[in-house]
Amino acid sequence: MSGVELLFLGTGGAWSLPELGCNCFICGEMRKRGERRRRTALALKGAGTLLVDCGPDIASQLQDNGVGRPDAVLITHEHGDHFLGLDELVSFRRTTPKGRFEPIPAYMTSQTLAAVRRRFDYLQGMGVLAFREVKEDEPLNAGAFRVLPFKTHHGTFAAGSVGYVIDAPGENGSRKRLVYTSDFVDLPEPPPELLHPDILVIQSFWLNEPAHNRPNHMSFQKALVYIDRWAPKGRTYLVHIGDGDPVPGDPANAMSKKYAPADPMRTPGGECYPIPRCQEDWQAVVDRIVRDRALSRTIVVAEDGLRVVL
């Protein structure tokens, strides 16, 4: 039996990168290199297809990566960059012979479902989606995948925020456990299932933890604490990457989206690590930090279209 493929459909934040109308050093460098980070979403493909989050870019993400109709959808929370693409799934019904389409189960917490219903209740009425409510720490089956939602703290405007532990069929009848945190700043009561996953996918919105974390996101600086605590057996992948770190000398540092660091990470020589401006920079800085701290972890900065076989 072949393994499940993990596909990173998008690895960017709520506004994607390069951001519309932004001339900061990060967006400028990405444009020069032709790089793009669309809103973060994942797909797991094997005996079936599981879609994790469904933002505004989902139509192009699925089409560009050759992903067809999902067998189930997991929504992590009620922010638009994680569910506003649900309407695009109507296309799968439109292109199916009449009378043969089965609604796609869409799983989310009650708080998230309330927000989704206000916008997309008609999707259940027309038989495109079948809404399913999940509860924290209560496992569920989504096709060939066993899923455990766990509570994450992402601020008062995302009361329904959860991450997911996904148990997937691996190669030769094995099972692989993937932990996806989605957006978060803290975990109130992490379940034991978060320990020693085969793969960890964790948010890294900034390189350095900001002095004022108003949007309640995770920085790489703080993520290192969770990576060490959960001790994944395999690789850790960073997603939901933004451009909020101020770059020295950038006039755009005055923009409201730029967050001054509280205590930036420093090299053994006392210098601040350089702020990444592109994919190559991100991986180089992460590798350097891992080496400098003698961490026994493999941390990969995910990029759009990355495929990993579990």
Protein backbone atom coordinates (compact mmCIF):
# COMPACT_ATOMS: atom_id res chain seq x y z
CA MET A 1 0.00 0.00 0.00
CA SER A 2 1.42 3.39 -0.99
CA GLY A 3 1.66 6.19 1.55
CA VAL A 4 -0.35 9.34 1.86
CA GLU A 5 1.00 12.49 0.24
CA LEU A 6 0.98 15.74 2.19
CA LEU A 7 0.62 18.70 -0.16
CA PHE A 8 1.21 22.28 0.94
CA LEU A 9 -1.33 24.17 -1.17
CA GLY A 10 -0.37 27.48 0.41
CA THR A 11 2.04 28.65 3.09
CA GLY A 12 1.25 32.35 3.55
CA GLY A 13 -0.77 34.49 5.94
CA ALA A 14 -4.19 36.08 5.69
CA TRP A 15 -3.29 38.48 2.85
CA SER A 16 -0.85 36.22 0.99
CA LEU A 17 2.59 37.34 -0.18
CA PRO A 18 3.69 39.52 -1.87
CA GLU A 19 0.89 41.61 -0.45
CA LEU A 20 -1.24 43.83 -2.67
CA GLY A 21 0.10 47.39 -2.74
CA CYS A 22 3.04 46.64 -0.43
CA ASN A 23 6.50 47.94 -1.26
CA CYS A 24 8.32 46.63 1.82
CA PHE A 25 11.70 44.96 1.36
CA ILE A 26 10.18 41.49 1.84
CA CYS A 27 7.41 41.86 -0.74
CA GLY A 28 9.83 43.58 -3.14
CA GLU A 29 12.35 40.74 -2.93
CA MET A 30 9.65 38.12 -3.43
CA ARG A 31 8.33 39.93 -6.51
CA LYS A 32 11.84 40.16 -7.94
CA ARG A 33 12.26 36.40 -7.50
CA GLY A 34 8.76 35.53 -8.72
CA GLU A 35 7.87 33.92 -5.39
CA ARG A 36 4.38 33.68 -3.97
CA ARG A 37 2.80 32.43 -0.78
CA ARG A 38 -0.94 31.92 -1.00
CA ARG A 39 -3.15 31.46 2.07
CA THR A 40 -2.17 28.43 4.10
CA ALA A 41 -4.04 25.23 3.26
CA LEU A 42 -3.06 21.55 3.21
CA ALA A 43 -4.25 18.49 1.34
CA LEU A 44 -3.65 14.86 2.29
CA LYS A 45 -4.01 12.50 -0.67
CA GLY A 46 -4.10 8.74 -0.50
CA ALA A 47 -7.06 6.37 -0.49
CA GLY A 48 -9.06 9.61 -0.29
CA THR A 49 -8.41 13.34 -0.16
CA LEU A 50 -8.64 15.40 3.01
CA LEU A 51 -8.56 19.19 2.67
CA VAL A 52 -7.42 21.20 5.69
CA ASP A 53 -8.73 24.78 5.50
CA CYS A 54 -10.28 26.37 2.45
CA GLY A 55 -9.30 30.00 1.95
CA PRO A 56 -9.92 32.49 -0.87
CA ASP A 57 -7.17 30.97 -3.06
CA ILE A 58 -8.53 27.44 -2.98
CA ALA A 59 -9.73 27.20 -6.61
CA SER A 60 -6.30 28.01 -8.07
CA GLN A 61 -4.55 25.99 -5.36
CA LEU A 62 -6.48 22.83 -6.15
CA GLN A 63 -6.27 23.30 -9.90
CA ASP A 64 -2.57 24.14 -9.99
CA ASN A 65 -1.72 21.11 -7.84
CA GLY A 66 -4.00 18.61 -9.56
CA VAL A 67 -6.21 18.02 -6.52
CA GLY A 68 -9.75 16.92 -7.27
CA ARG A 69 -12.88 16.73 -5.16
CA PRO A 70 -12.01 16.37 -1.46
CA ASP A 71 -13.68 13.58 0.47
CA ALA A 72 -13.80 15.76 3.59
CA VAL A 73 -12.79 19.24 4.74
CA LEU A 74 -11.40 20.31 8.11
CA ILE A 75 -11.79 24.00 9.02
CA THR A 76 -9.54 25.21 11.83
CA HIS A 77 -11.28 28.46 12.77
CA GLU A 78 -13.60 31.25 11.73
CA HIS A 79 -11.17 33.70 10.10
CA GLY A 80 -11.83 34.34 6.42
CA ASP A 81 -8.47 33.15 5.13
CA HIS A 82 -9.40 29.69 6.40
CA PHE A 83 -12.95 29.25 5.06
CA LEU A 84 -13.93 31.88 2.47
CA GLY A 85 -13.12 29.51 -0.39
CA LEU A 86 -15.83 27.01 0.52
CA ASP A 87 -18.07 28.45 -2.20
CA GLU A 88 -15.53 27.32 -4.81
CA LEU A 89 -16.37 23.70 -3.98
CA VAL A 90 -19.68 24.18 -5.81
CA SER A 91 -17.71 23.48 -8.99
CA PHE A 92 -17.38 19.81 -8.04
CA ARG A 93 -21.17 19.50 -7.92
CA ARG A 94 -21.59 21.40 -11.19
CA THR A 95 -19.21 19.05 -13.00
CA THR A 96 -20.77 15.83 -11.66
CA PRO A 97 -23.58 14.06 -13.54
CA LYS A 98 -27.00 14.94 -12.16
CA GLY A 99 -28.07 12.91 -9.15
CA ARG A 100 -24.62 11.45 -8.48
CA PHE A 101 -22.98 14.07 -6.28
CA GLU A 102 -22.67 13.37 -2.57
CA PRO A 103 -22.27 16.34 -0.18
CA ILE A 104 -18.73 16.87 1.11
CA PRO A 105 -18.52 16.62 4.93
CA ALA A 106 -17.05 19.82 6.40
CA TYR A 107 -15.87 19.57 10.01
CA MET A 108 -15.47 22.49 12.42
CA THR A 109 -16.30 23.61 15.96
CA SER A 110 -19.69 25.08 16.85
CA GLN A 111 -18.27 28.63 17.06
CA THR A 112 -16.68 28.32 13.64
CA LEU A 113 -19.80 26.70 12.20
CA ALA A 114 -21.91 29.67 13.34
CA ALA A 115 -19.68 32.02 11.32
CA VAL A 116 -19.62 29.70 8.30
CA ARG A 117 -23.40 29.32 8.32
CA ARG A 118 -23.89 33.09 8.27
CA ARG A 119 -21.93 33.22 5.04
CA PHE A 120 -22.44 29.84 3.40
CA ASP A 121 -25.51 28.15 4.83
CA TYR A 122 -26.83 27.74 1.27
CA LEU A 123 -23.98 25.31 0.52
CA GLN A 124 -25.63 22.75 2.76
CA GLY A 125 -29.07 23.59 1.40
CA MET A 126 -27.96 22.92 -2.17
CA GLY A 127 -26.19 19.71 -1.19
CA VAL A 128 -22.60 20.81 -1.73
CA LEU A 129 -21.48 20.51 1.91
CA ALA A 130 -22.68 18.55 4.91
CA PHE A 131 -21.72 20.51 8.01
CA ARG A 132 -20.36 18.42 10.89
CA GLU A 133 -19.66 19.84 14.34
CA VAL A 134 -16.50 18.73 16.11
CA LYS A 135 -15.62 18.98 19.77
CA GLU A 136 -12.21 19.39 21.28
CA ASP A 137 -10.53 16.13 22.29
CA GLU A 138 -13.28 14.02 20.69
CA PRO A 139 -11.91 11.90 17.80
CA LEU A 140 -13.71 11.52 14.50
CA ASN A 141 -13.30 9.65 11.24
CA ALA A 142 -12.96 11.64 8.03
CA GLY A 143 -12.76 9.05 5.28
CA ALA A 144 -9.53 7.07 5.69
CA PHE A 145 -8.24 9.56 8.25
CA ARG A 146 -8.68 9.52 12.01
CA VAL A 147 -8.77 13.05 13.38
CA LEU A 148 -8.50 14.55 16.87
CA PRO A 149 -9.33 18.27 17.25
CA PHE A 150 -7.47 20.09 20.03
CA LYS A 151 -8.11 23.55 21.45
CA THR A 152 -5.79 26.38 20.44
CA HIS A 153 -5.79 29.97 21.64
CA HIS A 154 -5.93 32.45 18.75
CA GLY A 155 -7.56 35.39 20.52
CA THR A 156 -11.12 36.35 21.38
CA PHE A 157 -12.07 36.82 17.72
CA ALA A 158 -11.38 33.15 17.00
CA ALA A 159 -13.13 31.40 19.87
CA GLY A 160 -13.62 28.27 17.77
CA SER A 161 -9.97 27.82 16.88
CA VAL A 162 -8.62 24.26 16.92
CA GLY A 163 -5.66 22.36 15.58
CA TYR A 164 -5.88 18.79 14.34
CA VAL A 165 -3.98 15.58 15.02
CA ILE A 166 -4.42 13.54 11.84
CA ASP A 167 -3.73 9.82 11.82
CA ALA A 168 -3.19 8.78 8.21
CA PRO A 169 -2.48 5.48 6.44
CA GLY A 170 1.23 5.25 5.68
CA GLU A 171 3.27 2.91 3.53
CA ASN A 172 2.87 -0.88 3.86
CA GLY A 173 -0.08 -0.66 6.23
CA SER A 174 1.59 1.66 8.74
CA ARG A 175 -0.05 4.70 10.32
CA LYS A 176 1.49 8.17 10.42
CA ARG A 177 0.52 10.91 12.86
CA LEU A 178 0.56 14.52 11.70
CA VAL A 179 -0.01 17.50 14.00
CA TYR A 180 -1.26 20.73 12.42
CA THR A 181 -1.52 23.70 14.78
CA SER A 182 -3.06 26.26 12.42
CA ASP A 183 -3.00 29.84 13.80
CA PHE A 184 -2.32 30.10 17.53
CA VAL A 185 -0.42 31.92 20.23
CA ASP A 186 -0.85 29.38 23.03
CA LEU A 187 -2.37 25.99 23.85
CA PRO A 188 -4.56 25.92 26.99
CA GLU A 189 -4.53 22.15 27.59
CA PRO A 190 -2.49 20.26 24.98
CA PRO A 191 -3.50 16.60 24.67
CA PRO A 192 -0.82 13.88 24.97
CA GLU A 193 -1.37 13.04 21.28
CA LEU A 194 0.69 16.12 20.40
CA LEU A 195 3.83 14.45 21.72
CA HIS A 196 6.24 12.81 19.25
CA PRO A 197 4.23 13.12 16.03
CA ASP A 198 5.71 11.78 12.82
CA ILE A 199 5.28 15.23 11.25
CA LEU A 200 4.60 18.61 12.83
CA VAL A 201 3.20 21.51 10.80
CA ILE A 202 3.36 24.69 12.85
CA GLN A 203 2.64 28.36 12.25
CA SER A 204 5.58 30.78 11.96
CA PHE A 205 4.12 34.19 11.15
CA TRP A 206 7.22 36.14 12.24
CA LEU A 207 10.84 35.21 12.76
CA ASN A 208 11.03 37.06 16.11
CA GLU A 209 8.34 37.25 18.77
CA PRO A 210 6.89 40.79 18.66
CA ALA A 211 6.73 43.09 21.67
CA HIS A 212 2.96 43.31 21.20
CA ASN A 213 1.41 40.19 19.67
CA ARG A 214 -1.90 41.81 18.82
CA PRO A 215 -3.08 39.28 16.18
CA ASN A 216 -2.26 36.31 18.44
CA HIS A 217 0.00 34.49 16.00
CA MET A 218 3.04 32.27 16.50
CA SER A 219 6.60 33.38 15.78
CA PHE A 220 9.46 31.03 14.95
CA GLN A 221 11.21 32.23 18.09
CA LYS A 222 8.33 31.02 20.24
CA ALA A 223 7.60 27.99 18.05
CA LEU A 224 11.00 26.59 18.98
CA VAL A 225 9.64 26.07 22.50
CA TYR A 226 6.77 23.94 21.20
CA ILE A 227 8.96 22.03 18.75
CA ASP A 228 11.28 21.11 21.61
CA ARG A 229 8.36 20.22 23.89
CA TRP A 230 6.53 18.03 21.38
CA ALA A 231 9.73 16.45 20.00
CA PRO A 232 8.49 15.30 16.59
CA LYS A 233 10.03 12.07 15.36
CA GLY A 234 10.28 13.42 11.83
CA ARG A 235 10.43 16.82 10.21
CA THR A 236 8.80 20.03 11.33
CA TYR A 237 7.32 22.25 8.60
CA LEU A 238 6.75 26.00 9.02
CA VAL A 239 3.67 27.60 7.43
CA HIS A 240 1.48 30.74 7.59
CA ILE A 241 4.56 32.86 7.04
CA GLY A 242 4.10 36.62 6.93
CA ASP A 243 6.06 39.79 6.31
CA GLY A 244 5.55 41.51 9.66
CA ASP A 245 9.18 41.47 10.81
CA PRO A 246 10.80 44.91 10.34
CA VAL A 247 13.84 44.77 8.06
CA PRO A 248 16.64 47.16 9.07
CA GLY A 249 16.71 50.21 6.82
CA ASP A 250 13.28 49.58 5.29
CA PRO A 251 11.14 52.76 5.07
CA ALA A 252 8.09 50.47 5.15
CA ASN A 253 8.81 49.60 8.78
CA ALA A 254 6.35 52.38 9.65
CA MET A 255 3.50 50.30 8.18
CA SER A 256 0.92 49.09 10.69
CA LYS A 257 1.62 45.46 9.77
CA LYS A 258 5.22 45.67 10.95
CA TYR A 259 5.80 44.53 14.57
CA ALA A 260 8.91 45.48 16.51
CA PRO A 261 10.51 42.45 18.22
CA ALA A 262 10.52 42.10 22.00
CA ASP A 263 13.93 40.46 22.23
CA PRO A 264 15.17 39.29 18.82
CA MET A 265 17.09 36.06 18.50
CA ARG A 266 20.84 36.52 18.38
CA THR A 267 23.81 34.57 17.11
CA PRO A 268 26.44 33.24 19.55
CA GLY A 269 28.38 36.39 18.69
CA GLY A 270 25.53 38.61 19.87
CA GLU A 271 24.29 39.79 16.46
CA CYS A 272 20.62 39.67 15.49
CA TYR A 273 19.80 37.06 12.89
CA PRO A 274 18.94 38.65 9.52
CA ILE A 275 15.26 39.01 8.71
CA PRO A 276 14.31 36.65 5.86
CA ARG A 277 13.05 38.29 2.68
CA CYS A 278 12.39 35.18 0.60
CA GLN A 279 12.20 31.38 0.74
CA GLU A 280 15.98 30.95 0.43
CA ASP A 281 16.58 33.43 3.25
CA TRP A 282 14.04 31.77 5.51
CA GLN A 283 15.57 28.32 5.17
CA ALA A 284 19.10 29.68 5.60
CA VAL A 285 18.22 31.55 8.79
CA VAL A 286 16.30 28.59 10.25
CA ASP A 287 19.19 26.23 9.45
CA ARG A 288 21.63 28.62 11.08
CA ILE A 289 19.56 28.91 14.25
CA VAL A 290 19.23 25.12 14.46
CA ARG A 291 23.01 24.74 14.11
CA ASP A 292 23.85 27.54 16.55
CA ARG A 293 21.58 26.03 19.19
CA ALA A 294 22.69 22.45 18.47
CA LEU A 295 19.08 21.38 18.05
CA SER A 296 18.47 17.78 17.06
CA ARG A 297 15.57 18.73 14.80
CA THR A 298 15.02 19.00 11.07
CA ILE A 299 12.95 22.13 10.39
CA VAL A 300 11.79 22.84 6.86
CA VAL A 301 10.33 26.15 5.72
CA ALA A 302 7.45 24.92 3.57
CA GLU A 303 6.76 26.60 0.24
CA ASP A 304 3.67 26.50 -1.95
CA GLY A 305 3.45 23.23 -3.87
CA LEU A 306 5.77 21.25 -1.61
CA ARG A 307 4.87 17.54 -1.58
CA VAL A 308 5.85 15.11 1.18
CA VAL A 309 5.11 11.38 1.24
CA LEU A 310 4.16 10.16 4.71
